PDB file of all heavy atoms in Angstrom:
ATOM      1  N   LEU A   1     335.411 188.064 197.925  1.00  0.00           N
ATOM      2  CA  LEU A   1     334.916 186.700 198.066  1.00  0.00           C
ATOM      3  C   LEU A   1     333.826 186.527 199.014  1.00  0.00           C
ATOM      4  O   LEU A   1     332.916 185.735 198.870  1.00  0.00           O
ATOM      5  CB  LEU A   1     336.121 185.890 198.570  1.00  0.00           C
ATOM      6  CG  LEU A   1     337.282 185.459 197.690  1.00  0.00           C
ATOM      7  CD1 LEU A   1     338.214 184.548 198.496  1.00  0.00           C
ATOM      8  CD2 LEU A   1     336.715 184.572 196.475  1.00  0.00           C
ATOM      9  N   PHE A   2     333.879 187.428 200.090  1.00  0.00           N
ATOM     10  CA  PHE A   2     332.826 187.269 201.093  1.00  0.00           C
ATOM     11  C   PHE A   2     331.843 188.373 201.304  1.00  0.00           C
ATOM     12  O   PHE A   2     331.434 188.766 202.401  1.00  0.00           O
ATOM     13  CB  PHE A   2     333.545 187.138 202.514  1.00  0.00           C
ATOM     14  CG  PHE A   2     334.473 185.846 202.526  1.00  0.00           C
ATOM     15  CD1 PHE A   2     335.823 185.878 202.397  1.00  0.00           C
ATOM     16  CD2 PHE A   2     333.992 184.484 202.385  1.00  0.00           C
ATOM     17  CE1 PHE A   2     336.656 184.890 202.481  1.00  0.00           C
ATOM     18  CE2 PHE A   2     334.790 183.414 202.305  1.00  0.00           C
ATOM     19  CZ  PHE A   2     336.166 183.564 202.379  1.00  0.00           C
ATOM     20  N   ALA A   3     331.671 189.071 200.116  1.00  0.00           N
ATOM     21  CA  ALA A   3     330.698 190.278 200.066  1.00  0.00           C
ATOM     22  C   ALA A   3     329.309 189.877 200.634  1.00  0.00           C
ATOM     23  O   ALA A   3     328.659 190.656 201.285  1.00  0.00           O
ATOM     24  CB  ALA A   3     330.571 190.766 198.775  1.00  0.00           C
ATOM     25  N   ASP A   4     328.824 188.688 200.394  1.00  0.00           N
ATOM     26  CA  ASP A   4     327.559 188.286 200.852  1.00  0.00           C
ATOM     27  C   ASP A   4     327.478 188.212 202.394  1.00  0.00           C
ATOM     28  O   ASP A   4     326.443 188.183 202.982  1.00  0.00           O
ATOM     29  CB  ASP A   4     327.203 186.885 200.302  1.00  0.00           C
ATOM     30  CG  ASP A   4     326.847 187.004 198.878  1.00  0.00           C
ATOM     31  OD1 ASP A   4     326.669 188.173 198.380  1.00  0.00           O
ATOM     32  OD2 ASP A   4     326.754 185.895 198.178  1.00  0.00           O
ATOM     33  N   ALA A   5     328.703 187.986 203.052  1.00  0.00           N
ATOM     34  CA  ALA A   5     328.663 187.891 204.473  1.00  0.00           C
ATOM     35  C   ALA A   5     329.072 189.262 205.095  1.00  0.00           C
ATOM     36  O   ALA A   5     329.281 189.365 206.328  1.00  0.00           O
ATOM     37  CB  ALA A   5     329.639 187.015 204.941  1.00  0.00           C
ATOM     38  N   GLY A   6     328.888 190.373 204.270  1.00  0.00           N
ATOM     39  CA  GLY A   6     329.165 191.775 204.749  1.00  0.00           C
ATOM     40  C   GLY A   6     330.571 191.889 205.211  1.00  0.00           C
ATOM     41  O   GLY A   6     330.917 192.612 206.256  1.00  0.00           O
ATOM     42  N   CYS A   7     331.552 191.418 204.416  1.00  0.00           N
ATOM     43  CA  CYS A   7     332.928 191.351 204.843  1.00  0.00           C
ATOM     44  C   CYS A   7     333.636 192.675 204.571  1.00  0.00           C
ATOM     45  O   CYS A   7     333.462 193.264 203.502  1.00  0.00           O
ATOM     46  CB  CYS A   7     333.665 190.228 204.086  1.00  0.00           C
ATOM     47  SG  CYS A   7     335.450 190.130 204.416  1.00  0.00           S
ATOM     48  N   VAL A   8     334.483 193.031 205.464  1.00  0.00           N
ATOM     49  CA  VAL A   8     335.332 194.221 205.321  1.00  0.00           C
ATOM     50  C   VAL A   8     336.754 193.704 205.778  1.00  0.00           C
ATOM     51  O   VAL A   8     336.922 192.722 206.442  1.00  0.00           O
ATOM     52  CB  VAL A   8     335.032 195.486 206.106  1.00  0.00           C
ATOM     53  CG1 VAL A   8     333.671 196.029 205.635  1.00  0.00           C
ATOM     54  CG2 VAL A   8     335.040 195.176 207.504  1.00  0.00           C
ATOM     55  N   GLY A   9     337.802 194.345 205.209  1.00  0.00           N
ATOM     56  CA  GLY A   9     339.221 193.901 205.545  1.00  0.00           C
ATOM     57  C   GLY A   9     340.108 195.049 205.676  1.00  0.00           C
ATOM     58  O   GLY A   9     339.855 196.195 205.215  1.00  0.00           O
ATOM     59  N   GLU A  10     341.210 194.761 206.271  1.00  0.00           N
ATOM     60  CA  GLU A  10     342.285 195.797 206.496  1.00  0.00           C
ATOM     61  C   GLU A  10     343.676 195.115 206.705  1.00  0.00           C
ATOM     62  O   GLU A  10     343.713 193.985 207.123  1.00  0.00           O
ATOM     63  CB  GLU A  10     341.973 196.731 207.735  1.00  0.00           C
ATOM     64  CG  GLU A  10     342.016 196.035 209.026  1.00  0.00           C
ATOM     65  CD  GLU A  10     341.637 196.864 210.303  1.00  0.00           C
ATOM     66  OE1 GLU A  10     341.493 198.070 209.949  1.00  0.00           O
ATOM     67  OE2 GLU A  10     341.731 196.379 211.337  1.00  0.00           O
ATOM     68  N   LEU A  11     344.751 195.829 206.343  1.00  0.00           N
ATOM     69  CA  LEU A  11     345.995 195.293 206.640  1.00  0.00           C
ATOM     70  C   LEU A  11     346.273 195.491 208.009  1.00  0.00           C
ATOM     71  O   LEU A  11     346.079 196.634 208.637  1.00  0.00           O
ATOM     72  CB  LEU A  11     347.032 196.030 205.745  1.00  0.00           C
ATOM     73  CG  LEU A  11     348.387 195.751 205.922  1.00  0.00           C
ATOM     74  CD1 LEU A  11     348.761 194.411 205.279  1.00  0.00           C
ATOM     75  CD2 LEU A  11     349.434 196.792 205.371  1.00  0.00           C
ATOM     76  N   ARG A  12     346.859 194.489 208.609  1.00  0.00           N
ATOM     77  CA  ARG A  12     347.265 194.570 210.025  1.00  0.00           C
ATOM     78  C   ARG A  12     348.636 195.383 210.156  1.00  0.00           C
ATOM     79  O   ARG A  12     349.472 195.128 209.374  1.00  0.00           O
ATOM     80  CB  ARG A  12     347.473 193.178 210.721  1.00  0.00           C
ATOM     81  CG  ARG A  12     347.845 193.252 212.140  1.00  0.00           C
ATOM     82  CD  ARG A  12     348.065 191.858 212.699  1.00  0.00           C
ATOM     83  NE  ARG A  12     346.869 191.004 212.710  1.00  0.00           N
ATOM     84  CZ  ARG A  12     346.703 189.840 213.158  1.00  0.00           C
ATOM     85  NH1 ARG A  12     347.803 189.343 213.890  1.00  0.00           N
ATOM     86  NH2 ARG A  12     345.585 189.162 213.115  1.00  0.00           N
ATOM     87  N   THR A  13     348.585 196.330 211.089  1.00  0.00           N
ATOM     88  CA  THR A  13     349.784 197.148 211.217  1.00  0.00           C
ATOM     89  C   THR A  13     350.269 196.963 212.770  1.00  0.00           C
ATOM     90  O   THR A  13     349.567 196.551 213.631  1.00  0.00           O
ATOM     91  CB  THR A  13     349.427 198.646 211.049  1.00  0.00           C
ATOM     92  OG1 THR A  13     348.339 199.086 211.885  1.00  0.00           O
ATOM     93  CG2 THR A  13     349.089 198.788 209.572  1.00  0.00           C
ATOM     94  N   ILE A  14     351.489 197.406 212.887  1.00  0.00           N
ATOM     95  CA  ILE A  14     352.106 197.321 214.215  1.00  0.00           C
ATOM     96  C   ILE A  14     351.278 198.400 215.192  1.00  0.00           C
ATOM     97  O   ILE A  14     350.944 199.454 214.574  1.00  0.00           O
ATOM     98  CB  ILE A  14     353.597 197.790 214.169  1.00  0.00           C
ATOM     99  CG1 ILE A  14     354.337 196.663 213.331  1.00  0.00           C
ATOM    100  CG2 ILE A  14     354.225 197.892 215.532  1.00  0.00           C
ATOM    101  CD1 ILE A  14     355.792 197.059 213.011  1.00  0.00           C
ATOM    102  N   PRO A  15     350.984 197.880 216.266  1.00  0.00           N
ATOM    103  CA  PRO A  15     350.289 198.825 217.184  1.00  0.00           C
ATOM    104  C   PRO A  15     350.943 200.258 217.354  1.00  0.00           C
ATOM    105  O   PRO A  15     352.170 200.399 217.423  1.00  0.00           O
ATOM    106  CB  PRO A  15     350.244 198.213 218.579  1.00  0.00           C
ATOM    107  CG  PRO A  15     350.332 196.737 218.199  1.00  0.00           C
ATOM    108  CD  PRO A  15     351.216 196.631 216.957  1.00  0.00           C
ATOM    109  N   ASN A  16     350.119 201.290 217.211  1.00  0.00           N
ATOM    110  CA  ASN A  16     350.629 202.682 217.331  1.00  0.00           C
ATOM    111  C   ASN A  16     351.580 203.058 216.232  1.00  0.00           C
ATOM    112  O   ASN A  16     352.399 203.862 216.409  1.00  0.00           O
ATOM    113  CB  ASN A  16     351.267 202.903 218.641  1.00  0.00           C
ATOM    114  CG  ASN A  16     350.388 202.764 219.779  1.00  0.00           C
ATOM    115  OD1 ASN A  16     349.140 203.078 219.804  1.00  0.00           O
ATOM    116  ND2 ASN A  16     350.829 201.992 220.849  1.00  0.00           N
ATOM    117  N   SER A  17     351.372 202.414 215.005  1.00  0.00           N
ATOM    118  CA  SER A  17     352.258 202.658 213.887  1.00  0.00           C
ATOM    119  C   SER A  17     351.464 202.311 212.574  1.00  0.00           C
ATOM    120  O   SER A  17     350.429 201.618 212.673  1.00  0.00           O
ATOM    121  CB  SER A  17     353.474 201.701 214.027  1.00  0.00           C
ATOM    122  OG  SER A  17     354.203 201.695 212.698  1.00  0.00           O
ATOM    123  N   SER A  18     351.910 203.010 211.533  1.00  0.00           N
ATOM    124  CA  SER A  18     351.363 202.612 210.181  1.00  0.00           C
ATOM    125  C   SER A  18     352.031 201.654 209.450  1.00  0.00           C
ATOM    126  O   SER A  18     351.777 201.131 208.332  1.00  0.00           O
ATOM    127  CB  SER A  18     351.294 203.857 209.340  1.00  0.00           C
ATOM    128  OG  SER A  18     352.667 204.503 209.065  1.00  0.00           O
ATOM    129  N   LYS A  19     353.223 201.104 210.052  1.00  0.00           N
ATOM    130  CA  LYS A  19     353.944 199.981 209.439  1.00  0.00           C
ATOM    131  C   LYS A  19     353.236 198.633 209.577  1.00  0.00           C
ATOM    132  O   LYS A  19     352.670 198.309 210.487  1.00  0.00           O
ATOM    133  CB  LYS A  19     355.385 199.961 210.194  1.00  0.00           C
ATOM    134  CG  LYS A  19     356.128 201.200 210.050  1.00  0.00           C
ATOM    135  CD  LYS A  19     357.561 201.000 210.724  1.00  0.00           C
ATOM    136  CE  LYS A  19     358.347 202.094 210.544  1.00  0.00           C
ATOM    137  NZ  LYS A  19     359.783 202.050 211.331  1.00  0.00           N
ATOM    138  N   PRO A  20     353.320 197.891 208.353  1.00  0.00           N
ATOM    139  CA  PRO A  20     352.679 196.584 208.410  1.00  0.00           C
ATOM    140  C   PRO A  20     353.284 195.698 209.485  1.00  0.00           C
ATOM    141  O   PRO A  20     354.396 195.659 209.711  1.00  0.00           O
ATOM    142  CB  PRO A  20     353.024 196.097 207.000  1.00  0.00           C
ATOM    143  CG  PRO A  20     353.271 197.289 206.173  1.00  0.00           C
ATOM    144  CD  PRO A  20     353.944 198.263 207.195  1.00  0.00           C
ATOM    145  N   TYR A  21     352.312 194.955 210.029  1.00  0.00           N
ATOM    146  CA  TYR A  21     352.823 193.804 210.928  1.00  0.00           C
ATOM    147  C   TYR A  21     353.462 192.756 210.025  1.00  0.00           C
ATOM    148  O   TYR A  21     352.843 192.372 209.054  1.00  0.00           O
ATOM    149  CB  TYR A  21     351.568 193.278 211.657  1.00  0.00           C
ATOM    150  CG  TYR A  21     351.966 191.992 212.527  1.00  0.00           C
ATOM    151  CD1 TYR A  21     352.327 192.055 213.832  1.00  0.00           C
ATOM    152  CD2 TYR A  21     351.714 190.764 211.994  1.00  0.00           C
ATOM    153  CE1 TYR A  21     352.702 191.008 214.529  1.00  0.00           C
ATOM    154  CE2 TYR A  21     352.094 189.543 212.664  1.00  0.00           C
ATOM    155  CZ  TYR A  21     352.491 189.733 213.995  1.00  0.00           C
ATOM    156  OH  TYR A  21     352.803 188.616 214.723  1.00  0.00           O
ATOM    157  N   VAL A  22     354.684 192.195 210.407  1.00  0.00           N
ATOM    158  CA  VAL A  22     355.259 191.146 209.743  1.00  0.00           C
ATOM    159  C   VAL A  22     355.276 189.895 210.493  1.00  0.00           C
ATOM    160  O   VAL A  22     355.663 189.922 211.543  1.00  0.00           O
ATOM    161  CB  VAL A  22     356.776 191.569 209.268  1.00  0.00           C
ATOM    162  CG1 VAL A  22     357.473 190.485 208.492  1.00  0.00           C
ATOM    163  CG2 VAL A  22     356.639 192.755 208.506  1.00  0.00           C
ATOM    164  N   THR A  23     354.871 188.770 209.977  1.00  0.00           N
ATOM    165  CA  THR A  23     354.744 187.437 210.687  1.00  0.00           C
ATOM    166  C   THR A  23     356.286 186.952 210.717  1.00  0.00           C
ATOM    167  O   THR A  23     357.214 187.384 210.169  1.00  0.00           O
ATOM    168  CB  THR A  23     353.977 186.522 209.889  1.00  0.00           C
ATOM    169  OG1 THR A  23     354.657 186.188 208.686  1.00  0.00           O
ATOM    170  CG2 THR A  23     352.656 187.104 209.558  1.00  0.00           C
ATOM    171  N   ASP A  24     356.362 185.859 211.439  1.00  0.00           N
ATOM    172  CA  ASP A  24     357.563 185.159 211.597  1.00  0.00           C
ATOM    173  C   ASP A  24     358.112 184.718 210.359  1.00  0.00           C
ATOM    174  O   ASP A  24     359.311 184.374 210.181  1.00  0.00           O
ATOM    175  CB  ASP A  24     357.499 183.963 212.554  1.00  0.00           C
ATOM    176  CG  ASP A  24     357.289 184.271 214.083  1.00  0.00           C
ATOM    177  OD1 ASP A  24     357.625 185.469 214.434  1.00  0.00           O
ATOM    178  OD2 ASP A  24     356.911 183.478 214.824  1.00  0.00           O
ATOM    179  N   ASN A  25     357.190 184.518 209.348  1.00  0.00           N
ATOM    180  CA  ASN A  25     357.651 184.073 207.980  1.00  0.00           C
ATOM    181  C   ASN A  25     357.988 185.173 207.072  1.00  0.00           C
ATOM    182  O   ASN A  25     358.018 184.891 205.822  1.00  0.00           O
ATOM    183  CB  ASN A  25     356.476 183.120 207.525  1.00  0.00           C
ATOM    184  CG  ASN A  25     356.018 182.157 208.550  1.00  0.00           C
ATOM    185  OD1 ASN A  25     356.733 181.339 209.140  1.00  0.00           O
ATOM    186  ND2 ASN A  25     354.702 182.260 208.978  1.00  0.00           N
ATOM    187  N   GLY A  26     357.803 186.310 207.540  1.00  0.00           N
ATOM    188  CA  GLY A  26     358.140 187.471 206.658  1.00  0.00           C
ATOM    189  C   GLY A  26     357.035 187.963 205.741  1.00  0.00           C
ATOM    190  O   GLY A  26     357.095 188.644 204.748  1.00  0.00           O
ATOM    191  N   ASN A  27     355.713 187.548 206.206  1.00  0.00           N
ATOM    192  CA  ASN A  27     354.575 187.914 205.310  1.00  0.00           C
ATOM    193  C   ASN A  27     353.737 188.902 206.106  1.00  0.00           C
ATOM    194  O   ASN A  27     353.985 189.312 207.241  1.00  0.00           O
ATOM    195  CB  ASN A  27     353.721 186.604 205.176  1.00  0.00           C
ATOM    196  CG  ASN A  27     354.299 185.644 204.169  1.00  0.00           C
ATOM    197  OD1 ASN A  27     355.088 185.949 203.290  1.00  0.00           O
ATOM    198  ND2 ASN A  27     354.331 184.371 204.669  1.00  0.00           N
ATOM    199  N   TYR A  28     352.664 189.428 205.457  1.00  0.00           N
ATOM    200  CA  TYR A  28     351.758 190.376 205.909  1.00  0.00           C
ATOM    201  C   TYR A  28     350.356 189.621 206.365  1.00  0.00           C
ATOM    202  O   TYR A  28     350.246 188.436 205.957  1.00  0.00           O
ATOM    203  CB  TYR A  28     351.280 191.493 204.961  1.00  0.00           C
ATOM    204  CG  TYR A  28     352.422 192.508 204.688  1.00  0.00           C
ATOM    205  CD1 TYR A  28     352.152 193.489 203.761  1.00  0.00           C
ATOM    206  CD2 TYR A  28     353.709 192.465 205.345  1.00  0.00           C
ATOM    207  CE1 TYR A  28     353.202 194.313 203.384  1.00  0.00           C
ATOM    208  CE2 TYR A  28     354.641 193.340 205.041  1.00  0.00           C
ATOM    209  CZ  TYR A  28     354.476 194.307 204.043  1.00  0.00           C
ATOM    210  OH  TYR A  28     355.402 195.135 203.769  1.00  0.00           O
ATOM    211  N   ILE A  29     349.528 190.179 207.121  1.00  0.00           N
ATOM    212  CA  ILE A  29     348.278 189.636 207.523  1.00  0.00           C
ATOM    213  C   ILE A  29     347.174 190.706 207.168  1.00  0.00           C
ATOM    214  O   ILE A  29     347.210 191.807 207.414  1.00  0.00           O
ATOM    215  CB  ILE A  29     348.292 189.388 209.039  1.00  0.00           C
ATOM    216  CG1 ILE A  29     349.072 188.177 209.370  1.00  0.00           C
ATOM    217  CG2 ILE A  29     346.741 189.114 209.466  1.00  0.00           C
ATOM    218  CD1 ILE A  29     349.069 187.815 210.712  1.00  0.00           C
ATOM    219  N   ILE A  30     346.188 190.104 206.455  1.00  0.00           N
ATOM    220  CA  ILE A  30     344.917 190.767 206.138  1.00  0.00           C
ATOM    221  C   ILE A  30     343.860 190.348 207.150  1.00  0.00           C
ATOM    222  O   ILE A  30     343.751 189.117 207.280  1.00  0.00           O
ATOM    223  CB  ILE A  30     344.417 190.507 204.671  1.00  0.00           C
ATOM    224  CG1 ILE A  30     345.510 190.887 203.675  1.00  0.00           C
ATOM    225  CG2 ILE A  30     343.025 191.239 204.527  1.00  0.00           C
ATOM    226  CD1 ILE A  30     345.768 192.365 203.699  1.00  0.00           C
ATOM    227  N   ASP A  31     343.235 191.262 207.935  1.00  0.00           N
ATOM    228  CA  ASP A  31     342.243 190.877 208.914  1.00  0.00           C
ATOM    229  C   ASP A  31     340.902 191.071 208.220  1.00  0.00           C
ATOM    230  O   ASP A  31     340.664 192.266 207.747  1.00  0.00           O
ATOM    231  CB  ASP A  31     342.426 191.704 210.224  1.00  0.00           C
ATOM    232  CG  ASP A  31     343.587 191.289 211.026  1.00  0.00           C
ATOM    233  OD1 ASP A  31     343.704 190.110 211.153  1.00  0.00           O
ATOM    234  OD2 ASP A  31     344.195 192.163 211.547  1.00  0.00           O
ATOM    235  N   LEU A  32     339.981 189.960 208.204  1.00  0.00           N
ATOM    236  CA  LEU A  32     338.773 190.135 207.699  1.00  0.00           C
ATOM    237  C   LEU A  32     337.734 190.145 208.762  1.00  0.00           C
ATOM    238  O   LEU A  32     337.810 189.466 209.839  1.00  0.00           O
ATOM    239  CB  LEU A  32     338.403 188.862 206.757  1.00  0.00           C
ATOM    240  CG  LEU A  32     339.452 188.691 205.530  1.00  0.00           C
ATOM    241  CD1 LEU A  32     339.002 187.462 204.761  1.00  0.00           C
ATOM    242  CD2 LEU A  32     339.369 189.880 204.631  1.00  0.00           C
ATOM    243  N   TYR A  33     336.762 190.878 208.637  1.00  0.00           N
ATOM    244  CA  TYR A  33     335.668 191.045 209.546  1.00  0.00           C
ATOM    245  C   TYR A  33     334.191 190.703 208.888  1.00  0.00           C
ATOM    246  O   TYR A  33     333.992 191.136 207.778  1.00  0.00           O
ATOM    247  CB  TYR A  33     335.587 192.505 210.146  1.00  0.00           C
ATOM    248  CG  TYR A  33     336.857 192.887 210.850  1.00  0.00           C
ATOM    249  CD1 TYR A  33     337.927 193.314 210.099  1.00  0.00           C
ATOM    250  CD2 TYR A  33     336.977 192.735 212.297  1.00  0.00           C
ATOM    251  CE1 TYR A  33     339.101 193.718 210.770  1.00  0.00           C
ATOM    252  CE2 TYR A  33     338.136 193.171 212.829  1.00  0.00           C
ATOM    253  CZ  TYR A  33     339.296 193.787 212.062  1.00  0.00           C
ATOM    254  OH  TYR A  33     340.308 194.030 212.647  1.00  0.00           O
ATOM    255  N   PHE A  34     333.403 189.938 209.672  1.00  0.00           N
ATOM    256  CA  PHE A  34     332.204 189.444 209.004  1.00  0.00           C
ATOM    257  C   PHE A  34     331.025 189.922 209.748  1.00  0.00           C
ATOM    258  O   PHE A  34     330.874 189.849 211.050  1.00  0.00           O
ATOM    259  CB  PHE A  34     332.179 187.969 208.913  1.00  0.00           C
ATOM    260  CG  PHE A  34     333.339 187.430 208.094  1.00  0.00           C
ATOM    261  CD1 PHE A  34     334.509 187.026 208.776  1.00  0.00           C
ATOM    262  CD2 PHE A  34     333.115 187.185 206.774  1.00  0.00           C
ATOM    263  CE1 PHE A  34     335.592 186.460 208.010  1.00  0.00           C
ATOM    264  CE2 PHE A  34     334.379 186.674 206.068  1.00  0.00           C
ATOM    265  CZ  PHE A  34     335.464 186.326 206.606  1.00  0.00           C
ATOM    266  N   GLU A  35     329.939 190.552 209.014  1.00  0.00           N
ATOM    267  CA  GLU A  35     328.775 190.852 209.645  1.00  0.00           C
ATOM    268  C   GLU A  35     327.781 189.611 209.750  1.00  0.00           C
ATOM    269  O   GLU A  35     326.900 189.610 210.744  1.00  0.00           O
ATOM    270  CB  GLU A  35     328.031 191.860 208.813  1.00  0.00           C
ATOM    271  CG  GLU A  35     328.639 193.264 208.880  1.00  0.00           C
ATOM    272  CD  GLU A  35     327.931 194.329 208.090  1.00  0.00           C
ATOM    273  OE1 GLU A  35     326.778 194.000 207.428  1.00  0.00           O
ATOM    274  OE2 GLU A  35     328.291 195.520 208.035  1.00  0.00           O
ATOM    275  N   ARG A  36     327.957 188.667 208.830  1.00  0.00           N
ATOM    276  CA  ARG A  36     327.077 187.457 208.798  1.00  0.00           C
ATOM    277  C   ARG A  36     327.896 186.183 208.638  1.00  0.00           C
ATOM    278  O   ARG A  36     329.157 186.270 208.314  1.00  0.00           O
ATOM    279  CB  ARG A  36     325.975 187.597 207.773  1.00  0.00           C
ATOM    280  CG  ARG A  36     325.092 188.821 207.917  1.00  0.00           C
ATOM    281  CD  ARG A  36     324.137 189.016 206.755  1.00  0.00           C
ATOM    282  NE  ARG A  36     324.798 189.495 205.541  1.00  0.00           N
ATOM    283  CZ  ARG A  36     325.237 190.701 205.265  1.00  0.00           C
ATOM    284  NH1 ARG A  36     324.872 191.621 205.985  1.00  0.00           N
ATOM    285  NH2 ARG A  36     325.812 190.923 204.054  1.00  0.00           N
ATOM    286  N   ASP A  37     327.228 185.151 208.917  1.00  0.00           N
ATOM    287  CA  ASP A  37     327.891 183.716 208.695  1.00  0.00           C
ATOM    288  C   ASP A  37     328.353 183.573 207.199  1.00  0.00           C
ATOM    289  O   ASP A  37     327.584 183.913 206.309  1.00  0.00           O
ATOM    290  CB  ASP A  37     326.888 182.647 209.186  1.00  0.00           C
ATOM    291  CG  ASP A  37     327.486 181.256 209.174  1.00  0.00           C
ATOM    292  OD1 ASP A  37     328.700 181.182 208.615  1.00  0.00           O
ATOM    293  OD2 ASP A  37     326.665 180.406 209.668  1.00  0.00           O
ATOM    294  N   MET A  38     329.548 183.121 207.110  1.00  0.00           N
ATOM    295  CA  MET A  38     330.138 183.047 205.826  1.00  0.00           C
ATOM    296  C   MET A  38     329.587 181.702 205.100  1.00  0.00           C
ATOM    297  O   MET A  38     329.843 181.516 203.893  1.00  0.00           O
ATOM    298  CB  MET A  38     331.585 183.136 205.611  1.00  0.00           C
ATOM    299  CG  MET A  38     332.345 181.926 206.301  1.00  0.00           C
ATOM    300  SD  MET A  38     334.147 182.070 206.302  1.00  0.00           S
ATOM    301  CE  MET A  38     334.388 183.162 207.638  1.00  0.00           C
ATOM    302  N   GLY A  39     329.017 180.841 205.727  1.00  0.00           N
ATOM    303  CA  GLY A  39     328.484 179.598 205.371  1.00  0.00           C
ATOM    304  C   GLY A  39     329.463 178.414 205.336  1.00  0.00           C
ATOM    305  O   GLY A  39     330.102 178.274 206.380  1.00  0.00           O
ATOM    306  N   ASP A  40     329.469 177.680 204.182  1.00  0.00           N
ATOM    307  CA  ASP A  40     330.369 176.432 204.259  1.00  0.00           C
ATOM    308  C   ASP A  40     331.813 176.736 204.382  1.00  0.00           C
ATOM    309  O   ASP A  40     332.393 177.449 203.530  1.00  0.00           O
ATOM    310  CB  ASP A  40     330.078 175.752 202.889  1.00  0.00           C
ATOM    311  CG  ASP A  40     330.711 174.425 202.910  1.00  0.00           C
ATOM    312  OD1 ASP A  40     331.983 174.253 202.972  1.00  0.00           O
ATOM    313  OD2 ASP A  40     330.018 173.327 202.509  1.00  0.00           O
ATOM    314  N   LEU A  41     332.448 176.406 205.486  1.00  0.00           N
ATOM    315  CA  LEU A  41     333.808 176.705 205.761  1.00  0.00           C
ATOM    316  C   LEU A  41     334.771 176.053 204.840  1.00  0.00           C
ATOM    317  O   LEU A  41     335.837 176.678 204.435  1.00  0.00           O
ATOM    318  CB  LEU A  41     334.050 176.360 207.307  1.00  0.00           C
ATOM    319  CG  LEU A  41     333.256 177.071 208.340  1.00  0.00           C
ATOM    320  CD1 LEU A  41     333.779 176.619 209.691  1.00  0.00           C
ATOM    321  CD2 LEU A  41     333.356 178.543 208.185  1.00  0.00           C
ATOM    322  N   ASP A  42     334.467 174.855 204.338  1.00  0.00           N
ATOM    323  CA  ASP A  42     335.361 174.178 203.526  1.00  0.00           C
ATOM    324  C   ASP A  42     335.478 174.990 202.144  1.00  0.00           C
ATOM    325  O   ASP A  42     336.522 175.096 201.525  1.00  0.00           O
ATOM    326  CB  ASP A  42     334.955 172.741 203.193  1.00  0.00           C
ATOM    327  CG  ASP A  42     335.176 171.863 204.401  1.00  0.00           C
ATOM    328  OD1 ASP A  42     336.229 172.052 205.074  1.00  0.00           O
ATOM    329  OD2 ASP A  42     334.490 170.961 204.668  1.00  0.00           O
ATOM    330  N   LYS A  43     334.313 175.409 201.667  1.00  0.00           N
ATOM    331  CA  LYS A  43     334.276 176.153 200.452  1.00  0.00           C
ATOM    332  C   LYS A  43     334.964 177.538 200.593  1.00  0.00           C
ATOM    333  O   LYS A  43     335.624 177.925 199.684  1.00  0.00           O
ATOM    334  CB  LYS A  43     332.686 176.287 200.082  1.00  0.00           C
ATOM    335  CG  LYS A  43     332.097 175.057 199.523  1.00  0.00           C
ATOM    336  CD  LYS A  43     330.694 175.375 199.038  1.00  0.00           C
ATOM    337  CE  LYS A  43     330.047 174.217 198.490  1.00  0.00           C
ATOM    338  NZ  LYS A  43     328.602 174.435 198.086  1.00  0.00           N
ATOM    339  N   ALA A  44     334.798 178.115 201.866  1.00  0.00           N
ATOM    340  CA  ALA A  44     335.347 179.400 202.077  1.00  0.00           C
ATOM    341  C   ALA A  44     336.963 179.167 202.152  1.00  0.00           C
ATOM    342  O   ALA A  44     337.642 180.086 201.483  1.00  0.00           O
ATOM    343  CB  ALA A  44     334.933 180.065 203.392  1.00  0.00           C
ATOM    344  N   SER A  45     337.428 178.110 202.770  1.00  0.00           N
ATOM    345  CA  SER A  45     338.897 177.848 202.746  1.00  0.00           C
ATOM    346  C   SER A  45     339.318 177.656 201.330  1.00  0.00           C
ATOM    347  O   SER A  45     340.341 178.282 201.011  1.00  0.00           O
ATOM    348  CB  SER A  45     339.032 176.604 203.622  1.00  0.00           C
ATOM    349  OG  SER A  45     340.406 176.187 203.555  1.00  0.00           O
ATOM    350  N   ASP A  46     338.760 176.828 200.489  1.00  0.00           N
ATOM    351  CA  ASP A  46     339.168 176.578 199.187  1.00  0.00           C
ATOM    352  C   ASP A  46     339.201 177.828 198.370  1.00  0.00           C
ATOM    353  O   ASP A  46     340.136 177.990 197.580  1.00  0.00           O
ATOM    354  CB  ASP A  46     338.222 175.632 198.488  1.00  0.00           C
ATOM    355  CG  ASP A  46     338.381 174.163 199.126  1.00  0.00           C
ATOM    356  OD1 ASP A  46     339.346 173.891 199.821  1.00  0.00           O
ATOM    357  OD2 ASP A  46     337.541 173.347 198.953  1.00  0.00           O
TER     358      ASP A  46
END
């Protein structure tokens, strides 16, 4: 979605472990990193 912003992503893991971090809601988290401004935030959110 954010290739134009130089986006890379990774699964969040528990520190010092390869196990996925699990939220209070039982879900996982993908962490996105951006080299450039992603632009319109409302469009990015949608």
